[in-house]
C-alpha atoms as a PDB file:
ATOM      1  CA  MET A   1      89.378 176.065 122.798  1.00  0.00           C
ATOM      2  CA  THR A   2      87.386 178.283 120.815  1.00  0.00           C
ATOM      3  CA  ALA A   3      83.501 178.376 120.510  1.00  0.00           C
ATOM      4  CA  ILE A   4      81.866 178.718 117.184  1.00  0.00           C
ATOM      5  CA  ASP A   5      78.542 180.044 117.213  1.00  0.00           C
ATOM      6  CA  LEU A   6      77.430 179.188 113.540  1.00  0.00           C
ATOM      7  CA  GLU A   7      74.060 177.999 113.779  1.00  0.00           C
ATOM      8  CA  HIS A   8      73.001 180.730 111.430  1.00  0.00           C
ATOM      9  CA  TYR A   9      76.069 180.491 109.418  1.00  0.00           C
ATOM     10  CA  ARG A  10      74.872 179.634 105.658  1.00  0.00           C
ATOM     11  CA  PRO A  11      77.212 179.545 102.931  1.00  0.00           C
ATOM     12  CA  VAL A  12      76.168 181.019  99.610  1.00  0.00           C
ATOM     13  CA  ASN A  13      75.243 178.114  97.226  1.00  0.00           C
ATOM     14  CA  ASP A  14      78.387 177.837  95.194  1.00  0.00           C
ATOM     15  CA  GLU A  15      80.975 179.138  98.003  1.00  0.00           C
ATOM     16  CA  LEU A  16      83.115 175.937  97.905  1.00  0.00           C
ATOM     17  CA  ARG A  17      83.145 175.804  93.893  1.00  0.00           C
ATOM     18  CA  GLU A  18      85.879 174.224  92.421  1.00  0.00           C
ATOM     19  CA  ARG A  19      87.625 173.031  95.533  1.00  0.00           C
ATOM     20  CA  VAL A  20      88.739 169.622  95.927  1.00  0.00           C
ATOM     21  CA  ILE A  21      88.383 168.418  99.431  1.00  0.00           C
ATOM     22  CA  LEU A  22      89.178 164.849 100.933  1.00  0.00           C
ATOM     23  CA  VAL A  23      87.150 163.503 103.766  1.00  0.00           C
ATOM     24  CA  THR A  24      87.917 160.300 105.736  1.00  0.00           C
ATOM     25  CA  GLY A  25      85.251 158.254 107.067  1.00  0.00           C
ATOM     26  CA  ALA A  26      82.837 159.632 104.344  1.00  0.00           C
ATOM     27  CA  GLY A  27      80.811 156.533 104.463  1.00  0.00           C
ATOM     28  CA  ASP A  28      78.467 157.142 107.170  1.00  0.00           C
ATOM     29  CA  GLY A  29      77.886 159.663 110.259  1.00  0.00           C
ATOM     30  CA  ILE A  30      79.422 163.270 110.685  1.00  0.00           C
ATOM     31  CA  GLY A  31      81.915 162.228 107.352  1.00  0.00           C
ATOM     32  CA  ARG A  32      79.103 161.417 105.093  1.00  0.00           C
ATOM     33  CA  ALA A  33      76.941 164.389 106.171  1.00  0.00           C
ATOM     34  CA  VAL A  34      79.948 166.671 105.710  1.00  0.00           C
ATOM     35  CA  ALA A  35      80.590 165.316 102.282  1.00  0.00           C
ATOM     36  CA  LEU A  36      77.183 165.633 101.086  1.00  0.00           C
ATOM     37  CA  ALA A  37      77.101 169.337 102.321  1.00  0.00           C
ATOM     38  CA  LEU A  38      80.357 169.995 100.842  1.00  0.00           C
ATOM     39  CA  ALA A  39      79.122 168.599  97.450  1.00  0.00           C
ATOM     40  CA  ALA A  40      75.867 170.564  97.699  1.00  0.00           C
ATOM     41  CA  HIS A  41      77.821 173.947  97.871  1.00  0.00           C
ATOM     42  CA  GLY A  42      80.219 173.150  94.920  1.00  0.00           C
ATOM     43  CA  ALA A  43      83.097 171.054  96.204  1.00  0.00           C
ATOM     44  CA  THR A  44      84.561 168.028  94.210  1.00  0.00           C
ATOM     45  CA  VAL A  45      84.614 165.550  97.194  1.00  0.00           C
ATOM     46  CA  ILE A  46      87.139 162.757  97.509  1.00  0.00           C
ATOM     47  CA  LEU A  47      85.123 160.054  99.804  1.00  0.00           C
ATOM     48  CA  SER A  48      87.754 157.897 101.486  1.00  0.00           C
ATOM     49  CA  GLY A  49      86.945 154.907 104.132  1.00  0.00           C
ATOM     50  CA  ARG A  50      87.230 151.342 104.542  1.00  0.00           C
ATOM     51  CA  THR A  51      83.904 150.293 103.263  1.00  0.00           C
ATOM     52  CA  VAL A  52      83.488 150.773  99.388  1.00  0.00           C
ATOM     53  CA  ARG A  53      79.943 149.936  99.616  1.00  0.00           C
ATOM     54  CA  LYS A  54      79.171 152.860 101.697  1.00  0.00           C
ATOM     55  CA  LEU A  55      81.356 155.244  99.907  1.00  0.00           C
ATOM     56  CA  GLU A  56      79.728 154.182  96.660  1.00  0.00           C
ATOM     57  CA  ALA A  57      76.179 155.197  98.204  1.00  0.00           C
ATOM     58  CA  VAL A  58      77.338 158.746  99.121  1.00  0.00           C
ATOM     59  CA  HIS A  59      78.861 158.779  95.768  1.00  0.00           C
ATOM     60  CA  ASP A  60      75.742 158.089  93.992  1.00  0.00           C
ATOM     61  CA  GLN A  61      73.747 160.260  96.417  1.00  0.00           C
ATOM     62  CA  ILE A  62      76.035 163.272  95.355  1.00  0.00           C
ATOM     63  CA  LEU A  63      75.542 162.545  91.658  1.00  0.00           C
ATOM     64  CA  ALA A  64      71.594 162.148  92.261  1.00  0.00           C
ATOM     65  CA  ALA A  65      71.629 165.642  93.770  1.00  0.00           C
ATOM     66  CA  LYS A  66      73.519 167.162  90.655  1.00  0.00           C
ATOM     67  CA  GLY A  67      76.676 167.702  92.632  1.00  0.00           C
ATOM     68  CA  PRO A  68      80.105 167.607  91.089  1.00  0.00           C
ATOM     69  CA  GLN A  69      81.407 164.382  90.216  1.00  0.00           C
ATOM     70  CA  PRO A  70      83.053 162.856  93.352  1.00  0.00           C
ATOM     71  CA  SER A  71      85.640 160.140  93.530  1.00  0.00           C
ATOM     72  CA  ILE A  72      86.275 157.466  95.880  1.00  0.00           C
ATOM     73  CA  ALA A  73      89.465 156.641  97.589  1.00  0.00           C
ATOM     74  CA  PRO A  74      89.270 153.432  99.685  1.00  0.00           C
ATOM     75  CA  LEU A  75      91.680 153.411 102.722  1.00  0.00           C
ATOM     76  CA  ASN A  76      91.536 151.193 105.720  1.00  0.00           C
ATOM     77  CA  LEU A  77      93.504 153.178 108.154  1.00  0.00           C
ATOM     78  CA  GLU A  78      94.090 150.338 110.528  1.00  0.00           C
ATOM     79  CA  ARG A  79      95.955 148.327 107.735  1.00  0.00           C
ATOM     80  CA  ALA A  80      97.081 150.740 105.390  1.00  0.00           C
ATOM     81  CA  LEU A  81     101.043 150.731 104.525  1.00  0.00           C
ATOM     82  CA  ALA A  82     103.016 153.402 103.219  1.00  0.00           C
ATOM     83  CA  ASN A  83     102.111 152.437  99.492  1.00  0.00           C
ATOM     84  CA  ASP A  84      98.444 152.699 100.126  1.00  0.00           C
ATOM     85  CA  TYR A  85      98.880 156.306 101.218  1.00  0.00           C
ATOM     86  CA  ASP A  86     101.266 157.235  98.383  1.00  0.00           C
ATOM     87  CA  ALA A  87      98.519 155.670  95.994  1.00  0.00           C
ATOM     88  CA  VAL A  88      95.751 158.045  97.465  1.00  0.00           C
ATOM     89  CA  ALA A  89      98.110 160.911  97.099  1.00  0.00           C
ATOM     90  CA  ALA A  90      99.093 159.907  93.673  1.00  0.00           C
ATOM     91  CA  ALA A  91      95.431 159.293  92.461  1.00  0.00           C
ATOM     92  CA  ILE A  92      94.665 162.850  93.700  1.00  0.00           C
ATOM     93  CA  GLU A  93      97.726 164.341  91.792  1.00  0.00           C
ATOM     94  CA  SER A  94      96.847 162.604  88.598  1.00  0.00           C
ATOM     95  CA  ASN A  95      93.151 163.491  88.848  1.00  0.00           C
ATOM     96  CA  TYR A  96      93.182 167.120  90.388  1.00  0.00           C
ATOM     97  CA  GLY A  97      96.480 168.332  90.581  1.00  0.00           C
ATOM     98  CA  ARG A  98      96.177 169.934  94.017  1.00  0.00           C
ATOM     99  CA  LEU A  99      94.125 169.588  97.185  1.00  0.00           C
ATOM    100  CA  ASP A 100      92.190 172.494  98.852  1.00  0.00           C
ATOM    101  CA  GLY A 101      90.911 170.501 101.842  1.00  0.00           C
ATOM    102  CA  LEU A 102      91.578 167.535 103.925  1.00  0.00           C
ATOM    103  CA  LEU A 103      88.918 166.482 106.984  1.00  0.00           C
ATOM    104  CA  HIS A 104      90.201 163.819 108.990  1.00  0.00           C
ATOM    105  CA  ASN A 105      87.045 162.535 110.208  1.00  0.00           C
ATOM    106  CA  ALA A 106      87.647 158.661 110.658  1.00  0.00           C
ATOM    107  CA  ALA A 107      88.463 157.431 113.837  1.00  0.00           C
ATOM    108  CA  MET A 108      88.331 154.434 116.430  1.00  0.00           C
ATOM    109  CA  LEU A 109      86.740 154.407 119.828  1.00  0.00           C
ATOM    110  CA  GLY A 110      88.629 151.456 121.359  1.00  0.00           C
ATOM    111  CA  GLN A 111      87.134 150.235 124.613  1.00  0.00           C
ATOM    112  CA  LEU A 112      85.897 152.167 127.502  1.00  0.00           C
ATOM    113  CA  SER A 113      87.842 150.579 130.465  1.00  0.00           C
ATOM    114  CA  PRO A 114      90.106 151.708 133.488  1.00  0.00           C
ATOM    115  CA  ILE A 115      93.939 152.060 132.611  1.00  0.00           C
ATOM    116  CA  ASP A 116      94.718 149.044 134.714  1.00  0.00           C
ATOM    117  CA  HIS A 117      92.416 146.766 132.385  1.00  0.00           C
ATOM    118  CA  TYR A 118      92.753 148.281 129.266  1.00  0.00           C
ATOM    119  CA  GLU A 119      94.035 145.866 126.430  1.00  0.00           C
ATOM    120  CA  VAL A 120      97.326 146.623 125.194  1.00  0.00           C
ATOM    121  CA  PRO A 121      96.613 145.656 121.492  1.00  0.00           C
ATOM    122  CA  VAL A 122      93.322 147.732 121.204  1.00  0.00           C
ATOM    123  CA  TRP A 123      95.519 150.598 122.884  1.00  0.00           C
ATOM    124  CA  VAL A 124      97.868 150.370 119.970  1.00  0.00           C
ATOM    125  CA  ARG A 125      95.286 150.283 117.367  1.00  0.00           C
ATOM    126  CA  VAL A 126      93.410 153.191 118.441  1.00  0.00           C
ATOM    127  CA  LEU A 127      96.565 155.598 118.789  1.00  0.00           C
ATOM    128  CA  HIS A 128      97.425 154.395 115.214  1.00  0.00           C
ATOM    129  CA  VAL A 129      94.118 154.864 113.686  1.00  0.00           C
ATOM    130  CA  ASN A 130      93.304 158.089 115.350  1.00  0.00           C
ATOM    131  CA  VAL A 131      97.077 159.661 115.082  1.00  0.00           C
ATOM    132  CA  THR A 132      99.638 157.798 113.231  1.00  0.00           C
ATOM    133  CA  ALA A 133      97.277 157.391 110.261  1.00  0.00           C
ATOM    134  CA  GLU A 134      96.131 160.801 110.283  1.00  0.00           C
ATOM    135  CA  PHE A 135      99.737 162.067 110.378  1.00  0.00           C
ATOM    136  CA  ALA A 136     100.621 159.912 107.643  1.00  0.00           C
ATOM    137  CA  LEU A 137      97.996 161.134 105.440  1.00  0.00           C
ATOM    138  CA  THR A 138      98.554 164.404 106.049  1.00  0.00           C
ATOM    139  CA  GLN A 139     102.231 164.218 105.119  1.00  0.00           C
ATOM    140  CA  VAL A 140     101.651 162.470 101.681  1.00  0.00           C
ATOM    141  CA  CYS A 141      98.868 165.266 100.932  1.00  0.00           C
ATOM    142  CA  LEU A 142     101.144 168.092 102.149  1.00  0.00           C
ATOM    143  CA  PRO A 143     102.544 168.830  98.466  1.00  0.00           C
ATOM    144  CA  LEU A 144      99.246 168.663  97.115  1.00  0.00           C
ATOM    145  CA  LEU A 145      97.818 171.163  99.793  1.00  0.00           C
ATOM    146  CA  ARG A 146     100.837 173.359  99.109  1.00  0.00           C
ATOM    147  CA  LYS A 147      99.633 173.587  95.409  1.00  0.00           C
ATOM    148  CA  SER A 148      96.318 175.327  96.476  1.00  0.00           C
ATOM    149  CA  PRO A 149      95.999 179.184  97.135  1.00  0.00           C
ATOM    150  CA  ASP A 150      93.784 178.489 100.088  1.00  0.00           C
ATOM    151  CA  ALA A 151      93.883 174.949 101.529  1.00  0.00           C
ATOM    152  CA  SER A 152      92.550 173.894 104.947  1.00  0.00           C
ATOM    153  CA  VAL A 153      93.199 170.921 107.088  1.00  0.00           C
ATOM    154  CA  LEU A 154      90.880 169.893 109.729  1.00  0.00           C
ATOM    155  CA  PHE A 155      91.106 167.377 112.352  1.00  0.00           C
ATOM    156  CA  THR A 156      88.490 166.101 114.547  1.00  0.00           C
ATOM    157  CA  SER A 157      89.014 166.770 118.298  1.00  0.00           C
ATOM    158  CA  SER A 158      86.840 165.740 121.356  1.00  0.00           C
ATOM    159  CA  SER A 159      86.065 167.258 124.696  1.00  0.00           C
ATOM    160  CA  VAL A 160      88.226 164.198 126.086  1.00  0.00           C
ATOM    161  CA  GLY A 161      90.961 165.331 124.088  1.00  0.00           C
ATOM    162  CA  ARG A 162      91.328 168.447 126.311  1.00  0.00           C
ATOM    163  CA  ARG A 163      90.509 167.135 129.566  1.00  0.00           C
ATOM    164  CA  GLY A 164      91.057 163.589 130.260  1.00  0.00           C
ATOM    165  CA  ARG A 165      88.026 161.756 131.677  1.00  0.00           C
ATOM    166  CA  ALA A 166      88.087 158.137 133.512  1.00  0.00           C
ATOM    167  CA  LEU A 167      87.435 155.301 131.385  1.00  0.00           C
ATOM    168  CA  TRP A 168      88.104 156.841 128.024  1.00  0.00           C
ATOM    169  CA  GLY A 169      91.617 155.649 127.586  1.00  0.00           C
ATOM    170  CA  ALA A 170      93.285 155.473 124.524  1.00  0.00           C
ATOM    171  CA  TYR A 171      90.492 157.358 122.727  1.00  0.00           C
ATOM    172  CA  SER A 172      91.150 160.416 124.961  1.00  0.00           C
ATOM    173  CA  VAL A 173      94.734 160.187 124.676  1.00  0.00           C
ATOM    174  CA  SER A 174      94.673 160.049 121.004  1.00  0.00           C
ATOM    175  CA  LYS A 175      92.838 163.249 120.922  1.00  0.00           C
ATOM    176  CA  PHE A 176      95.154 164.938 122.739  1.00  0.00           C
ATOM    177  CA  ALA A 177      97.758 163.909 120.445  1.00  0.00           C
ATOM    178  CA  VAL A 178      95.541 165.166 117.591  1.00  0.00           C
ATOM    179  CA  GLU A 179      95.301 168.553 119.379  1.00  0.00           C
ATOM    180  CA  GLY A 180      99.164 168.577 119.609  1.00  0.00           C
ATOM    181  CA  LEU A 181      99.530 167.504 116.004  1.00  0.00           C
ATOM    182  CA  ALA A 182      97.429 170.264 114.678  1.00  0.00           C
ATOM    183  CA  GLN A 183      99.289 172.954 116.665  1.00  0.00           C
ATOM    184  CA  VAL A 184     102.587 171.698 115.547  1.00  0.00           C
ATOM    185  CA  LEU A 185     101.383 171.485 111.816  1.00  0.00           C
ATOM    186  CA  ALA A 186      99.822 175.043 112.345  1.00  0.00           C
ATOM    187  CA  ASP A 187     102.923 176.594 113.352  1.00  0.00           C
ATOM    188  CA  GLU A 188     105.227 174.871 110.645  1.00  0.00           C
ATOM    189  CA  LEU A 189     102.686 175.875 107.899  1.00  0.00           C
ATOM    190  CA  ALA A 190     102.168 179.872 109.326  1.00  0.00           C
ATOM    191  CA  SER A 191     103.848 181.341 106.628  1.00  0.00           C
ATOM    192  CA  THR A 192     101.997 179.007 103.669  1.00  0.00           C
ATOM    193  CA  SER A 193      98.655 179.204 102.404  1.00  0.00           C
ATOM    194  CA  ILE A 194      97.395 176.150 104.422  1.00  0.00           C
ATOM    195  CA  ARG A 195      95.755 176.372 107.591  1.00  0.00           C
ATOM    196  CA  VAL A 196      95.191 173.727 110.256  1.00  0.00           C
ATOM    197  CA  ASN A 197      92.523 173.690 112.903  1.00  0.00           C
ATOM    198  CA  CYS A 198      90.756 171.169 115.017  1.00  0.00           C
ATOM    199  CA  ILE A 199      86.871 170.732 115.440  1.00  0.00           C
ATOM    200  CA  ASN A 200      84.960 168.867 118.399  1.00  0.00           C
ATOM    201  CA  PRO A 201      81.446 168.042 116.925  1.00  0.00           C
ATOM    202  CA  VAL A 202      80.423 167.541 120.550  1.00  0.00           C
ATOM    203  CA  ARG A 203      77.432 165.461 120.519  1.00  0.00           C
ATOM    204  CA  ALA A 204      75.856 163.776 117.403  1.00  0.00           C
ATOM    205  CA  ARG A 205      73.693 160.914 116.481  1.00  0.00           C
ATOM    206  CA  THR A 206      76.493 158.593 115.137  1.00  0.00           C
ATOM    207  CA  GLY A 207      77.357 155.104 115.248  1.00  0.00           C
ATOM    208  CA  MET A 208      80.547 155.935 117.710  1.00  0.00           C
ATOM    209  CA  ARG A 209      78.140 157.852 120.087  1.00  0.00           C
ATOM    210  CA  LEU A 210      76.075 154.904 120.177  1.00  0.00           C
ATOM    211  CA  GLU A 211      78.982 152.550 121.135  1.00  0.00           C
ATOM    212  CA  ALA A 212      79.849 154.901 123.897  1.00  0.00           C
ATOM    213  CA  TYR A 213      76.825 155.834 125.209  1.00  0.00           C
ATOM    214  CA  PRO A 214      74.333 152.750 124.317  1.00  0.00           C
ATOM    215  CA  ALA A 215      71.871 153.578 127.000  1.00  0.00           C
ATOM    216  CA  GLU A 216      71.331 157.392 125.717  1.00  0.00           C
ATOM    217  CA  ASP A 217      68.016 158.692 124.161  1.00  0.00           C
ATOM    218  CA  ARG A 218      69.130 159.116 120.709  1.00  0.00           C
ATOM    219  CA  SER A 219      66.138 161.155 120.009  1.00  0.00           C
ATOM    220  CA  THR A 220      67.709 164.052 122.260  1.00  0.00           C
ATOM    221  CA  LEU A 221      71.080 164.212 119.805  1.00  0.00           C
ATOM    222  CA  PRO A 222      71.195 166.395 116.747  1.00  0.00           C
ATOM    223  CA  ASP A 223      71.343 164.616 113.444  1.00  0.00           C
ATOM    224  CA  PRO A 224      74.975 164.865 111.966  1.00  0.00           C
ATOM    225  CA  ALA A 225      73.328 167.018 108.904  1.00  0.00           C
ATOM    226  CA  ASP A 226      72.511 169.680 111.648  1.00  0.00           C
ATOM    227  CA  LEU A 227      76.338 170.155 112.358  1.00  0.00           C
ATOM    228  CA  VAL A 228      77.891 170.762 109.059  1.00  0.00           C
ATOM    229  CA  GLY A 229      77.993 174.580 109.166  1.00  0.00           C
ATOM    230  CA  PRO A 230      81.072 174.659 111.201  1.00  0.00           C
ATOM    231  CA  TYR A 231      82.950 172.177 108.861  1.00  0.00           C
ATOM    232  CA  LEU A 232      81.884 174.029 105.808  1.00  0.00           C
ATOM    233  CA  TYR A 233      83.208 177.420 107.590  1.00  0.00           C
ATOM    234  CA  LEU A 234      86.411 175.928 108.453  1.00  0.00           C
ATOM    235  CA  LEU A 235      87.025 174.212 105.089  1.00  0.00           C
ATOM    236  CA  GLY A 236      85.833 176.865 102.987  1.00  0.00           C
ATOM    237  CA  PRO A 237      87.065 180.455 102.074  1.00  0.00           C
ATOM    238  CA  ALA A 238      85.108 182.160 105.118  1.00  0.00           C
ATOM    239  CA  SER A 239      87.719 180.808 107.465  1.00  0.00           C
ATOM    240  CA  ARG A 240      90.776 182.000 105.472  1.00  0.00           C
ATOM    241  CA  GLY A 241      93.613 183.261 107.802  1.00  0.00           C
ATOM    242  CA  ILE A 242      92.166 181.239 110.843  1.00  0.00           C
ATOM    243  CA  SER A 243      94.836 178.632 111.973  1.00  0.00           C
ATOM    244  CA  GLY A 244      96.122 176.889 115.035  1.00  0.00           C
ATOM    245  CA  GLN A 245      92.709 176.831 116.803  1.00  0.00           C
ATOM    246  CA  SER A 246      90.641 174.431 118.118  1.00  0.00           C
ATOM    247  CA  PHE A 247      86.627 174.944 117.741  1.00  0.00           C
ATOM    248  CA  ASP A 248      83.503 173.448 119.200  1.00  0.00           C
ATOM    249  CA  CYS A 249      80.367 172.954 117.210  1.00  0.00           C
ATOM    250  CA  PHE A 250      77.325 174.772 118.814  1.00  0.00           C
END
């Protein structure tokens, strides 16, 4: 685990210019905030998620802010089949010819429950969305990432993916798996121009946080827009050469 102290990190205005970056879960929360920030610093963002209406809203907001023309790649990670992943990769290949960044932000919390009461179907769904789907999307995107001179794959981790905590069940286990997947991939790609890291957003005012902590005072939580610095750092040129690590937001 590595701590990033990037409260004062500010990329230059066009630091991400001409980079093509795919963001999952881009319709709201941290995914939305990062997508907007990437575009504000010059990146061409591919917005992925399961709710087209939300993706369209982010798309329109980027255009209203005079950002580079984004695109939308609808993908329901719970139900997607091989052809759906292939279609996303084919569209990126056709439109851009390469991929410079991939942010795995979408995830499913599941239920907070002791293991002896955890529902097996929910367990399977959480592991599928949070691990298997990320593996599948990464796999189809690797040929596109290899065409970039400086590519970054960024997985979203969690504190419960580093030390298990009672009641966090499949979500905790899935984040342990994500950390392992990132380490394996980073080692396999060590001799390439692709770097692979994990980031733990820690605390943010998101829907998933509300689902996990419904009684929490949300006014004490940072807005997702306040946490984008480490994401821009790890997806941009400033982190070139950094791979196989797991970071916390400040």
